[in-house]
C-alpha atoms as a PDB file:
ATOM      1  CA  MET A   1      11.819  81.555  -9.952  1.00  0.00           C
ATOM      2  CA  ALA A   2       8.373  79.943  -9.712  1.00  0.00           C
ATOM      3  CA  ARG A   3       8.253  76.149  -9.835  1.00  0.00           C
ATOM      4  CA  ILE A   4       5.401  73.927 -11.048  1.00  0.00           C
ATOM      5  CA  GLY A   5       4.393  71.526  -8.518  1.00  0.00           C
ATOM      6  CA  PRO A   6       3.020  67.931  -9.632  1.00  0.00           C
ATOM      7  CA  VAL A   7       0.704  68.049 -12.648  1.00  0.00           C
ATOM      8  CA  LYS A   8      -2.215  65.584 -12.756  1.00  0.00           C
ATOM      9  CA  LEU A   9      -4.130  64.678 -15.822  1.00  0.00           C
ATOM     10  CA  ASN A  10      -7.478  62.944 -15.701  1.00  0.00           C
ATOM     11  CA  VAL A  11      -9.661  62.211 -18.954  1.00  0.00           C
ATOM     12  CA  THR A  12     -12.886  60.904 -18.958  1.00  0.00           C
ATOM     13  CA  ILE A  13     -14.423  59.729 -22.296  1.00  0.00           C
ATOM     14  CA  LYS A  14     -18.636  59.700 -22.504  1.00  0.00           C
ATOM     15  CA  GLY A  15     -19.787  58.753 -25.674  1.00  0.00           C
ATOM     16  CA  ASP A  16     -18.273  61.080 -28.271  1.00  0.00           C
ATOM     17  CA  THR A  17     -16.932  63.670 -25.970  1.00  0.00           C
ATOM     18  CA  ALA A  18     -13.684  63.810 -23.985  1.00  0.00           C
ATOM     19  CA  THR A  19     -13.120  65.840 -20.788  1.00  0.00           C
ATOM     20  CA  ALA A  20      -9.984  66.572 -19.398  1.00  0.00           C
ATOM     21  CA  GLU A  21      -8.971  67.769 -16.134  1.00  0.00           C
ATOM     22  CA  VAL A  22      -5.342  69.113 -15.299  1.00  0.00           C
ATOM     23  CA  SER A  23      -4.606  70.289 -11.778  1.00  0.00           C
ATOM     24  CA  TYR A  24      -1.113  71.709 -10.378  1.00  0.00           C
ATOM     25  CA  ASP A  25       0.302  74.326  -8.030  1.00  0.00           C
ATOM     26  CA  ILE A  26       2.331  77.037  -8.832  1.00  0.00           C
ATOM     27  CA  LEU A  27       5.039  77.511  -6.109  1.00  0.00           C
ATOM     28  CA  PHE A  28       6.243  81.188  -6.109  1.00  0.00           C
ATOM     29  CA  SER A  29       9.455  82.241  -4.345  1.00  0.00           C
ATOM     30  CA  LYS A  30       9.714  84.838  -1.571  1.00  0.00           C
ATOM     31  CA  THR A  31      11.522  87.214  -4.188  1.00  0.00           C
ATOM     32  CA  ASP A  32       8.755  86.418  -6.888  1.00  0.00           C
ATOM     33  CA  ILE A  33       5.903  87.600  -4.224  1.00  0.00           C
ATOM     34  CA  LYS A  34       8.140  90.569  -3.166  1.00  0.00           C
ATOM     35  CA  LYS A  35       8.981  91.889  -6.946  1.00  0.00           C
ATOM     36  CA  GLN A  36       5.295  90.651  -8.128  1.00  0.00           C
ATOM     37  CA  THR A  37       7.236  88.843 -11.074  1.00  0.00           C
ATOM     38  CA  ALA A  38       4.641  88.243 -13.731  1.00  0.00           C
ATOM     39  CA  TYR A  39       4.508  84.781 -15.551  1.00  0.00           C
ATOM     40  CA  GLU A  40       3.031  83.786 -18.691  1.00  0.00           C
ATOM     41  CA  GLU A  41       1.097  80.317 -17.954  1.00  0.00           C
ATOM     42  CA  GLU A  42       0.747  77.591 -20.496  1.00  0.00           C
ATOM     43  CA  CYS A  43      -1.133  74.415 -20.345  1.00  0.00           C
ATOM     44  CA  ARG A  44      -1.444  71.752 -23.192  1.00  0.00           C
ATOM     45  CA  LEU A  45      -2.532  68.154 -23.877  1.00  0.00           C
ATOM     46  CA  ILE A  46       0.334  66.377 -25.906  1.00  0.00           C
ATOM     47  CA  GLY A  47       0.132  63.110 -27.847  1.00  0.00           C
ATOM     48  CA  ASP A  48       3.056  61.349 -26.627  1.00  0.00           C
ATOM     49  CA  ASP A  49       4.805  59.575 -29.696  1.00  0.00           C
ATOM     50  CA  THR A  50       8.470  59.312 -28.196  1.00  0.00           C
ATOM     51  CA  HIS A  51       8.199  56.589 -25.851  1.00  0.00           C
ATOM     52  CA  ALA A  52       9.356  53.433 -26.316  1.00  0.00           C
ATOM     53  CA  GLY A  53       7.237  50.927 -28.264  1.00  0.00           C
ATOM     54  CA  ASP A  54       6.066  53.340 -30.981  1.00  0.00           C
ATOM     55  CA  PRO A  55       7.473  52.795 -34.364  1.00  0.00           C
ATOM     56  CA  ALA A  56       9.465  55.729 -36.251  1.00  0.00           C
ATOM     57  CA  GLU A  57       6.696  56.628 -38.272  1.00  0.00           C
ATOM     58  CA  ALA A  58       4.747  57.868 -35.289  1.00  0.00           C
ATOM     59  CA  GLY A  59       6.876  60.942 -35.445  1.00  0.00           C
ATOM     60  CA  GLY A  60       7.256  63.333 -32.708  1.00  0.00           C
ATOM     61  CA  ASP A  61       5.089  64.487 -29.672  1.00  0.00           C
ATOM     62  CA  GLU A  62       2.275  66.888 -31.072  1.00  0.00           C
ATOM     63  CA  THR A  63       0.094  69.549 -29.391  1.00  0.00           C
ATOM     64  CA  LEU A  64      -3.596  68.185 -29.196  1.00  0.00           C
ATOM     65  CA  GLU A  65      -5.391  70.453 -27.205  1.00  0.00           C
ATOM     66  CA  PHE A  66      -4.683  74.067 -25.358  1.00  0.00           C
ATOM     67  CA  MET A  67      -6.090  73.763 -21.859  1.00  0.00           C
ATOM     68  CA  SER A  68      -5.275  77.363 -20.713  1.00  0.00           C
ATOM     69  CA  PRO A  69      -6.753  80.066 -22.826  1.00  0.00           C
ATOM     70  CA  LEU A  70      -4.270  81.289 -25.521  1.00  0.00           C
ATOM     71  CA  PHE A  71      -4.736  84.862 -24.415  1.00  0.00           C
ATOM     72  CA  SER A  72      -4.808  84.558 -20.801  1.00  0.00           C
ATOM     73  CA  LYS A  73      -3.691  87.207 -18.287  1.00  0.00           C
ATOM     74  CA  ASP A  74      -0.399  86.614 -16.734  1.00  0.00           C
ATOM     75  CA  VAL A  75      -0.095  85.105 -13.159  1.00  0.00           C
ATOM     76  CA  THR A  76       1.461  86.787 -10.256  1.00  0.00           C
ATOM     77  CA  GLY A  77       2.093  85.269  -6.908  1.00  0.00           C
ATOM     78  CA  THR A  78       0.741  87.045  -3.663  1.00  0.00           C
ATOM     79  CA  GLU A  79       1.047  84.033  -1.785  1.00  0.00           C
ATOM     80  CA  GLU A  80       3.572  81.054  -1.918  1.00  0.00           C
ATOM     81  CA  LYS A  81       1.227  78.827  -3.639  1.00  0.00           C
ATOM     82  CA  MET A  82      -1.570  79.184  -6.331  1.00  0.00           C
ATOM     83  CA  THR A  83      -3.504  76.072  -6.984  1.00  0.00           C
ATOM     84  CA  ARG A  84      -4.619  76.020 -10.764  1.00  0.00           C
ATOM     85  CA  MET A  85      -7.110  73.585 -12.394  1.00  0.00           C
ATOM     86  CA  HIS A  86      -8.072  73.390 -16.136  1.00  0.00           C
ATOM     87  CA  LYS A  87     -11.031  71.644 -17.497  1.00  0.00           C
ATOM     88  CA  LYS A  88     -12.062  71.364 -20.957  1.00  0.00           C
ATOM     89  CA  SER A  89     -14.481  68.942 -23.131  1.00  0.00           C
ATOM     90  CA  PHE A  90     -13.850  68.424 -26.921  1.00  0.00           C
ATOM     91  CA  ARG A  91     -14.526  65.480 -29.145  1.00  0.00           C
ATOM     92  CA  ALA A  92     -12.918  62.440 -28.167  1.00  0.00           C
ATOM     93  CA  MET A  93     -11.576  61.626 -31.294  1.00  0.00           C
ATOM     94  CA  ASP A  94      -9.176  64.789 -31.121  1.00  0.00           C
ATOM     95  CA  LEU A  95      -7.244  62.767 -28.531  1.00  0.00           C
ATOM     96  CA  ASN A  96      -6.924  60.018 -31.366  1.00  0.00           C
ATOM     97  CA  GLU A  97      -3.049  60.479 -31.933  1.00  0.00           C
ATOM     98  CA  ASP A  98      -2.446  56.702 -33.001  1.00  0.00           C
ATOM     99  CA  MET A  99      -3.856  56.312 -36.489  1.00  0.00           C
ATOM    100  CA  ASN A 100      -3.118  53.929 -39.463  1.00  0.00           C
ATOM    101  CA  ALA A 101      -0.060  51.652 -38.734  1.00  0.00           C
ATOM    102  CA  ILE A 102       0.708  53.223 -35.100  1.00  0.00           C
ATOM    103  CA  PRO A 103      -0.770  50.921 -32.276  1.00  0.00           C
ATOM    104  CA  ASN A 104      -3.080  51.814 -29.858  1.00  0.00           C
ATOM    105  CA  PRO A 105      -3.202  52.919 -27.056  1.00  0.00           C
ATOM    106  CA  ASP A 106      -3.036  56.852 -27.581  1.00  0.00           C
ATOM    107  CA  GLU A 107      -0.875  58.066 -24.981  1.00  0.00           C
ATOM    108  CA  ILE A 108      -1.699  61.594 -23.606  1.00  0.00           C
ATOM    109  CA  ARG A 109       0.369  63.923 -21.289  1.00  0.00           C
ATOM    110  CA  ALA A 110      -0.421  67.648 -19.895  1.00  0.00           C
ATOM    111  CA  LEU A 111       2.586  69.975 -20.400  1.00  0.00           C
ATOM    112  CA  VAL A 112       2.713  72.964 -18.222  1.00  0.00           C
ATOM    113  CA  ILE A 113       5.019  75.879 -18.849  1.00  0.00           C
ATOM    114  CA  LEU A 114       5.877  79.064 -16.952  1.00  0.00           C
ATOM    115  CA  ARG A 115       7.884  81.975 -18.557  1.00  0.00           C
ATOM    116  CA  PRO A 116       8.612  85.048 -16.667  1.00  0.00           C
ATOM    117  CA  ALA A 117       7.258  87.834 -18.756  1.00  0.00           C
ATOM    118  CA  LEU A 118      10.060  89.917 -18.762  1.00  0.00           C
ATOM    119  CA  ALA A 119      12.920  86.941 -19.403  1.00  0.00           C
ATOM    120  CA  PRO A 120      10.785  84.377 -21.527  1.00  0.00           C
ATOM    121  CA  GLN A 121      13.855  82.341 -22.290  1.00  0.00           C
ATOM    122  CA  ARG A 122      14.016  81.028 -18.638  1.00  0.00           C
ATOM    123  CA  MET A 123      11.232  78.818 -18.274  1.00  0.00           C
ATOM    124  CA  SER A 124       9.905  76.376 -15.884  1.00  0.00           C
ATOM    125  CA  ARG A 125       8.396  73.218 -17.341  1.00  0.00           C
ATOM    126  CA  ARG A 126       6.572  69.946 -15.726  1.00  0.00           C
ATOM    127  CA  GLU A 127       4.572  67.329 -17.246  1.00  0.00           C
ATOM    128  CA  SER A 128       2.015  64.712 -15.841  1.00  0.00           C
ATOM    129  CA  PRO A 129       2.234  61.126 -16.247  1.00  0.00           C
ATOM    130  CA  MET A 130       1.159  59.398 -19.383  1.00  0.00           C
ATOM    131  CA  VAL A 131      -2.634  58.643 -19.608  1.00  0.00           C
ATOM    132  CA  LYS A 132      -3.328  55.655 -22.160  1.00  0.00           C
ATOM    133  CA  LEU A 133      -6.612  55.738 -23.903  1.00  0.00           C
ATOM    134  CA  LYS A 134      -8.104  53.076 -26.615  1.00  0.00           C
ATOM    135  CA  LEU A 135      -9.587  55.532 -29.417  1.00  0.00           C
ATOM    136  CA  GLY A 136     -10.411  54.830 -32.780  1.00  0.00           C
END
């Protein structure tokens, strides 16, 4: 089964625009390459509300933005390593996941999921370290 290498997240804010970059490697096994196993790939930004310090009213973690296209083609390994990079710009306030009584900073993580197309219940997932932003 393919594995996901370390996930790196970088967010830059310029005026009202946020630009997020997520990079990682997909590491295919020899069996994946031989059988040309296809994987559904998903990359999204998550608002982190479950770490220590957030009050209960913060609720659970939520998806803020999808970095990979929702209807992308499956990835198939032809070599042991495939480097991936997703870059997207959007309104900075779309990342403002801590509002009202929930204290700043906003905590953001990137989440990457790989699901074998023929066995989607078996998945690999990996997250980036948290990035803290002061928004709103």
